[in-house]
Amino acid sequence: MIMAERAARLEAEAEMSGARLMIEHLKLIIAKLKRERFGQSSERGERVLEQLELQLADLEETAAEDDAVAEMATAAAGAASAVRSFHRRKPARRPLPEHLPRERIVYPGPADCPCCGGKLVKLGEDVTETLEVVPRQWKVLQHVREKFSCRACEAIAQPPAPAHPIARAAPGPACWPCCSTASMASTCH
């Protein structure tokens, strides 16, 4: 009977996590100290008992927080199995007017993964719009950089962005002579 009890206790201890095992151990020590409270060294025992009770309270609080985090993680994992949509932040600058003609310049991406040589699958594209002027005509050039991902190593490949005369500015190189006038400065920037 004692052997069966020991085996059951060992199985129960193996299933408990380290924190839970420490909590149970502290509860046993506290119960033992409470029984010995009125012995020869009762004052020392009371101090040890108070310290152990504080340590037990901290461990129980930590275990409760871990349980809450685990529950939230399992709930989030269930919700995360569905692909959530990506909401892009609103740009700091107003978009260029829609009535202007647009010309797409596509920079082809790599055919094979630069990391492992695997096949790439198109993920999407980044579009950068710059304002160009043709004498007596305005147009928008859309620089399209296609994004590809590798199924083998999950790397993302994309050609580099084109250079601009001024970083993060919408006007292209041909637009700068006209942007010096005050009337067009608000359109270009």
C-alpha atoms as a PDB file:
ATOM      1  CA  MET A   1       0.000   0.000   0.000  1.00  0.00           C
ATOM      2  CA  ILE A   2       2.852   2.385   0.860  1.00  0.00           C
ATOM      3  CA  MET A   3       4.601   1.490  -2.411  1.00  0.00           C
ATOM      4  CA  ALA A   4       1.409   2.253  -4.374  1.00  0.00           C
ATOM      5  CA  GLU A   5       1.015   5.556  -2.519  1.00  0.00           C
ATOM      6  CA  ARG A   6       4.621   6.514  -3.279  1.00  0.00           C
ATOM      7  CA  ALA A   7       4.197   5.636  -6.962  1.00  0.00           C
ATOM      8  CA  ALA A   8       1.016   7.739  -7.173  1.00  0.00           C
ATOM      9  CA  ARG A   9       2.766  10.631  -5.420  1.00  0.00           C
ATOM     10  CA  LEU A  10       5.745  10.424  -7.809  1.00  0.00           C
ATOM     11  CA  GLU A  11       3.414  10.425 -10.829  1.00  0.00           C
ATOM     12  CA  ALA A  12       1.544  13.459  -9.458  1.00  0.00           C
ATOM     13  CA  GLU A  13       4.835  15.289  -8.835  1.00  0.00           C
ATOM     14  CA  ALA A  14       6.030  14.518 -12.369  1.00  0.00           C
ATOM     15  CA  GLU A  15       2.865  16.079 -13.791  1.00  0.00           C
ATOM     16  CA  MET A  16       3.169  19.270 -11.722  1.00  0.00           C
ATOM     17  CA  SER A  17       5.291  22.099 -13.044  1.00  0.00           C
ATOM     18  CA  GLY A  18       8.244  23.408 -11.047  1.00  0.00           C
ATOM     19  CA  ALA A  19       6.302  26.382  -9.685  1.00  0.00           C
ATOM     20  CA  ARG A  20       3.348  24.252  -8.648  1.00  0.00           C
ATOM     21  CA  LEU A  21       5.703  21.794  -6.969  1.00  0.00           C
ATOM     22  CA  MET A  22       7.344  24.633  -5.035  1.00  0.00           C
ATOM     23  CA  ILE A  23       3.903  25.916  -3.949  1.00  0.00           C
ATOM     24  CA  GLU A  24       2.923  22.500  -2.614  1.00  0.00           C
ATOM     25  CA  HIS A  25       6.277  22.151  -0.832  1.00  0.00           C
ATOM     26  CA  LEU A  26       5.881  25.548   0.853  1.00  0.00           C
ATOM     27  CA  LYS A  27       2.334  24.691   1.928  1.00  0.00           C
ATOM     28  CA  LEU A  28       3.614  21.524   3.604  1.00  0.00           C
ATOM     29  CA  ILE A  29       6.408  23.409   5.412  1.00  0.00           C
ATOM     30  CA  ILE A  30       3.968  26.104   6.553  1.00  0.00           C
ATOM     31  CA  ALA A  31       1.552  23.507   7.880  1.00  0.00           C
ATOM     32  CA  LYS A  32       4.399  21.806   9.748  1.00  0.00           C
ATOM     33  CA  LEU A  33       5.590  25.119  11.230  1.00  0.00           C
ATOM     34  CA  LYS A  34       2.058  25.989  12.336  1.00  0.00           C
ATOM     35  CA  ARG A  35       1.872  22.690  14.230  1.00  0.00           C
ATOM     36  CA  GLU A  36       5.232  23.408  15.887  1.00  0.00           C
ATOM     37  CA  ARG A  37       4.307  26.993  16.699  1.00  0.00           C
ATOM     38  CA  PHE A  38       4.200  26.470  20.453  1.00  0.00           C
ATOM     39  CA  GLY A  39       7.511  24.584  20.808  1.00  0.00           C
ATOM     40  CA  GLN A  40      10.864  25.664  22.321  1.00  0.00           C
ATOM     41  CA  SER A  41      11.914  27.985  19.465  1.00  0.00           C
ATOM     42  CA  SER A  42       8.513  29.435  18.708  1.00  0.00           C
ATOM     43  CA  GLU A  43       9.816  32.960  18.023  1.00  0.00           C
ATOM     44  CA  ARG A  44      12.257  31.826  15.355  1.00  0.00           C
ATOM     45  CA  GLY A  45       9.605  29.582  13.862  1.00  0.00           C
ATOM     46  CA  GLU A  46       7.144  32.463  13.593  1.00  0.00           C
ATOM     47  CA  ARG A  47       9.635  34.564  11.607  1.00  0.00           C
ATOM     48  CA  VAL A  48      10.381  31.661   9.290  1.00  0.00           C
ATOM     49  CA  LEU A  49       6.655  31.019   8.964  1.00  0.00           C
ATOM     50  CA  GLU A  50       5.962  34.647   7.990  1.00  0.00           C
ATOM     51  CA  GLN A  51       8.731  34.602   5.384  1.00  0.00           C
ATOM     52  CA  LEU A  52       7.498  31.350   3.912  1.00  0.00           C
ATOM     53  CA  GLU A  53       3.918  32.635   3.766  1.00  0.00           C
ATOM     54  CA  LEU A  54       5.114  35.733   1.875  1.00  0.00           C
ATOM     55  CA  GLN A  55       7.121  33.573  -0.517  1.00  0.00           C
ATOM     56  CA  LEU A  56       4.103  31.315  -1.029  1.00  0.00           C
ATOM     57  CA  ALA A  57       1.861  34.295  -1.802  1.00  0.00           C
ATOM     58  CA  ASP A  58       4.370  35.554  -4.393  1.00  0.00           C
ATOM     59  CA  LEU A  59       4.621  32.144  -6.036  1.00  0.00           C
ATOM     60  CA  GLU A  60       0.850  31.689  -6.143  1.00  0.00           C
ATOM     61  CA  GLU A  61       0.461  35.147  -7.706  1.00  0.00           C
ATOM     62  CA  THR A  62       3.108  34.347 -10.328  1.00  0.00           C
ATOM     63  CA  ALA A  63       1.449  31.004 -11.084  1.00  0.00           C
ATOM     64  CA  ALA A  64      -1.936  32.714 -11.495  1.00  0.00           C
ATOM     65  CA  GLU A  65      -0.413  35.278 -13.883  1.00  0.00           C
ATOM     66  CA  ASP A  66       1.244  32.468 -15.880  1.00  0.00           C
ATOM     67  CA  ASP A  67      -2.092  30.663 -16.111  1.00  0.00           C
ATOM     68  CA  ALA A  68      -3.819  33.845 -17.332  1.00  0.00           C
ATOM     69  CA  VAL A  69      -1.102  34.430 -19.945  1.00  0.00           C
ATOM     70  CA  ALA A  70      -1.350  30.818 -21.087  1.00  0.00           C
ATOM     71  CA  GLU A  71      -5.139  31.087 -21.423  1.00  0.00           C
ATOM     72  CA  MET A  72      -4.807  34.312 -23.408  1.00  0.00           C
ATOM     73  CA  ALA A  73      -2.158  32.702 -25.627  1.00  0.00           C
ATOM     74  CA  THR A  74      -4.362  29.686 -26.364  1.00  0.00           C
ATOM     75  CA  ALA A  75      -7.306  31.968 -27.115  1.00  0.00           C
ATOM     76  CA  ALA A  76      -5.104  34.129 -29.350  1.00  0.00           C
ATOM     77  CA  ALA A  77      -3.704  31.034 -31.074  1.00  0.00           C
ATOM     78  CA  GLY A  78      -7.241  29.957 -31.943  1.00  0.00           C
ATOM     79  CA  ALA A  79      -8.004  33.407 -33.309  1.00  0.00           C
ATOM     80  CA  ALA A  80      -4.595  33.666 -34.994  1.00  0.00           C
ATOM     81  CA  SER A  81      -5.197  30.550 -37.063  1.00  0.00           C
ATOM     82  CA  ALA A  82      -7.336  32.714 -39.319  1.00  0.00           C
ATOM     83  CA  VAL A  83      -5.344  35.208 -41.361  1.00  0.00           C
ATOM     84  CA  ARG A  84      -5.960  38.722 -40.132  1.00  0.00           C
ATOM     85  CA  SER A  85      -6.043  41.579 -42.606  1.00  0.00           C
ATOM     86  CA  PHE A  86      -3.271  44.149 -42.638  1.00  0.00           C
ATOM     87  CA  HIS A  87      -4.268  47.782 -42.258  1.00  0.00           C
ATOM     88  CA  ARG A  88      -1.706  50.180 -43.630  1.00  0.00           C
ATOM     89  CA  ARG A  89      -1.154  53.445 -41.792  1.00  0.00           C
ATOM     90  CA  LYS A  90      -2.454  56.581 -43.434  1.00  0.00           C
ATOM     91  CA  PRO A  91       0.332  58.310 -45.392  1.00  0.00           C
ATOM     92  CA  ALA A  92       1.705  61.556 -44.005  1.00  0.00           C
ATOM     93  CA  ARG A  93       1.330  63.281 -47.368  1.00  0.00           C
ATOM     94  CA  ARG A  94      -1.801  63.617 -49.505  1.00  0.00           C
ATOM     95  CA  PRO A  95      -1.874  61.263 -52.512  1.00  0.00           C
ATOM     96  CA  LEU A  96      -1.189  62.697 -55.949  1.00  0.00           C
ATOM     97  CA  PRO A  97      -4.350  63.716 -57.847  1.00  0.00           C
ATOM     98  CA  GLU A  98      -6.228  60.842 -59.490  1.00  0.00           C
ATOM     99  CA  HIS A  99      -6.992  62.742 -62.708  1.00  0.00           C
ATOM    100  CA  LEU A 100      -3.305  62.777 -63.741  1.00  0.00           C
ATOM    101  CA  PRO A 101      -2.271  60.037 -66.183  1.00  0.00           C
ATOM    102  CA  ARG A 102      -0.175  57.285 -64.683  1.00  0.00           C
ATOM    103  CA  GLU A 103       2.641  55.295 -66.222  1.00  0.00           C
ATOM    104  CA  ARG A 104       3.727  52.044 -64.560  1.00  0.00           C
ATOM    105  CA  ILE A 105       7.397  51.122 -64.558  1.00  0.00           C
ATOM    106  CA  VAL A 106       7.804  47.578 -63.234  1.00  0.00           C
ATOM    107  CA  TYR A 107      11.162  46.535 -61.823  1.00  0.00           C
ATOM    108  CA  PRO A 108      11.189  42.742 -62.174  1.00  0.00           C
ATOM    109  CA  GLY A 109      12.147  40.803 -59.087  1.00  0.00           C
ATOM    110  CA  PRO A 110      14.564  37.908 -58.964  1.00  0.00           C
ATOM    111  CA  ALA A 111      13.504  34.614 -60.520  1.00  0.00           C
ATOM    112  CA  ASP A 112      15.095  32.442 -57.826  1.00  0.00           C
ATOM    113  CA  CYS A 113      15.612  32.907 -54.092  1.00  0.00           C
ATOM    114  CA  PRO A 114      18.919  34.706 -53.421  1.00  0.00           C
ATOM    115  CA  CYS A 115      19.360  32.704 -50.192  1.00  0.00           C
ATOM    116  CA  CYS A 116      18.705  29.109 -51.201  1.00  0.00           C
ATOM    117  CA  GLY A 117      17.906  29.184 -54.930  1.00  0.00           C
ATOM    118  CA  GLY A 118      14.313  27.997 -54.369  1.00  0.00           C
ATOM    119  CA  LYS A 119      11.250  29.042 -56.372  1.00  0.00           C
ATOM    120  CA  LEU A 120       9.766  32.441 -55.473  1.00  0.00           C
ATOM    121  CA  VAL A 121       6.051  33.183 -55.189  1.00  0.00           C
ATOM    122  CA  LYS A 122       4.719  36.736 -55.607  1.00  0.00           C
ATOM    123  CA  LEU A 123       3.604  38.290 -52.291  1.00  0.00           C
ATOM    124  CA  GLY A 124       2.584  41.706 -53.487  1.00  0.00           C
ATOM    125  CA  GLU A 125       4.200  44.925 -54.623  1.00  0.00           C
ATOM    126  CA  ASP A 126       5.260  48.298 -53.304  1.00  0.00           C
ATOM    127  CA  VAL A 127       4.228  51.289 -55.420  1.00  0.00           C
ATOM    128  CA  THR A 128       6.088  54.590 -55.129  1.00  0.00           C
ATOM    129  CA  GLU A 129       4.563  57.517 -57.001  1.00  0.00           C
ATOM    130  CA  THR A 130       6.669  60.416 -58.264  1.00  0.00           C
ATOM    131  CA  LEU A 131       5.429  63.472 -60.100  1.00  0.00           C
ATOM    132  CA  GLU A 132       7.012  64.165 -63.489  1.00  0.00           C
ATOM    133  CA  VAL A 133       6.383  66.930 -65.987  1.00  0.00           C
ATOM    134  CA  VAL A 134       6.433  66.620 -69.735  1.00  0.00           C
ATOM    135  CA  PRO A 135       6.253  70.077 -71.393  1.00  0.00           C
ATOM    136  CA  ARG A 136       2.632  71.198 -70.943  1.00  0.00           C
ATOM    137  CA  GLN A 137       1.658  67.859 -69.477  1.00  0.00           C
ATOM    138  CA  TRP A 138       1.767  66.287 -66.023  1.00  0.00           C
ATOM    139  CA  LYS A 139       1.924  62.544 -65.379  1.00  0.00           C
ATOM    140  CA  VAL A 140       2.522  60.259 -62.464  1.00  0.00           C
ATOM    141  CA  LEU A 141       5.172  57.553 -62.728  1.00  0.00           C
ATOM    142  CA  GLN A 142       4.412  54.513 -60.610  1.00  0.00           C
ATOM    143  CA  HIS A 143       7.584  52.632 -59.732  1.00  0.00           C
ATOM    144  CA  VAL A 144       6.438  49.063 -58.980  1.00  0.00           C
ATOM    145  CA  ARG A 145       8.786  46.794 -57.061  1.00  0.00           C
ATOM    146  CA  GLU A 146       7.346  43.289 -56.956  1.00  0.00           C
ATOM    147  CA  LYS A 147       7.801  41.276 -53.757  1.00  0.00           C
ATOM    148  CA  PHE A 148       8.422  37.556 -53.876  1.00  0.00           C
ATOM    149  CA  SER A 149       8.704  34.950 -51.129  1.00  0.00           C
ATOM    150  CA  CYS A 150      10.526  31.632 -51.228  1.00  0.00           C
ATOM    151  CA  ARG A 151       8.485  28.604 -50.235  1.00  0.00           C
ATOM    152  CA  ALA A 152      11.630  26.725 -49.184  1.00  0.00           C
ATOM    153  CA  CYS A 153      13.328  29.183 -46.776  1.00  0.00           C
ATOM    154  CA  GLU A 154      10.518  31.766 -46.377  1.00  0.00           C
ATOM    155  CA  ALA A 155      12.843  34.622 -47.377  1.00  0.00           C
ATOM    156  CA  ILE A 156      11.418  37.732 -49.072  1.00  0.00           C
ATOM    157  CA  ALA A 157      13.137  39.151 -52.168  1.00  0.00           C
ATOM    158  CA  GLN A 158      12.487  42.540 -53.781  1.00  0.00           C
ATOM    159  CA  PRO A 159      14.484  44.847 -56.074  1.00  0.00           C
ATOM    160  CA  PRO A 160      15.827  48.061 -54.498  1.00  0.00           C
ATOM    161  CA  ALA A 161      13.789  51.269 -54.569  1.00  0.00           C
ATOM    162  CA  PRO A 162      14.653  53.850 -57.259  1.00  0.00           C
ATOM    163  CA  ALA A 163      16.654  56.888 -56.223  1.00  0.00           C
ATOM    164  CA  HIS A 164      14.869  60.246 -55.829  1.00  0.00           C
ATOM    165  CA  PRO A 165      16.435  63.718 -56.151  1.00  0.00           C
ATOM    166  CA  ILE A 166      15.259  64.419 -52.594  1.00  0.00           C
ATOM    167  CA  ALA A 167      14.596  61.504 -50.273  1.00  0.00           C
ATOM    168  CA  ARG A 168      10.898  60.813 -49.581  1.00  0.00           C
ATOM    169  CA  ALA A 169       9.778  63.594 -51.960  1.00  0.00           C
ATOM    170  CA  ALA A 170       7.093  63.093 -54.619  1.00  0.00           C
ATOM    171  CA  PRO A 171       8.491  65.271 -57.475  1.00  0.00           C
ATOM    172  CA  GLY A 172      10.774  63.514 -59.950  1.00  0.00           C
ATOM    173  CA  PRO A 173      13.948  64.925 -61.525  1.00  0.00           C
ATOM    174  CA  ALA A 174      12.163  66.533 -64.500  1.00  0.00           C
ATOM    175  CA  CYS A 175       9.747  68.344 -62.191  1.00  0.00           C
ATOM    176  CA  TRP A 176      12.215  70.541 -60.305  1.00  0.00           C
ATOM    177  CA  PRO A 177      12.395  73.531 -62.694  1.00  0.00           C
ATOM    178  CA  CYS A 178       8.616  73.960 -62.550  1.00  0.00           C
ATOM    179  CA  CYS A 179       8.363  73.515 -58.782  1.00  0.00           C
ATOM    180  CA  SER A 180      10.154  76.784 -58.158  1.00  0.00           C
ATOM    181  CA  THR A 181       6.937  78.689 -58.890  1.00  0.00           C
ATOM    182  CA  ALA A 182       4.655  79.207 -55.919  1.00  0.00           C
ATOM    183  CA  SER A 183       1.557  77.985 -57.779  1.00  0.00           C
ATOM    184  CA  MET A 184       2.954  74.502 -58.442  1.00  0.00           C
ATOM    185  CA  ALA A 185       4.785  74.066 -55.175  1.00  0.00           C
ATOM    186  CA  SER A 186       1.591  73.041 -53.410  1.00  0.00           C
ATOM    187  CA  THR A 187       0.783  70.511 -56.164  1.00  0.00           C
ATOM    188  CA  CYS A 188       4.213  68.886 -56.177  1.00  0.00           C
ATOM    189  CA  HIS A 189       4.846  68.620 -52.448  1.00  0.00           C
END
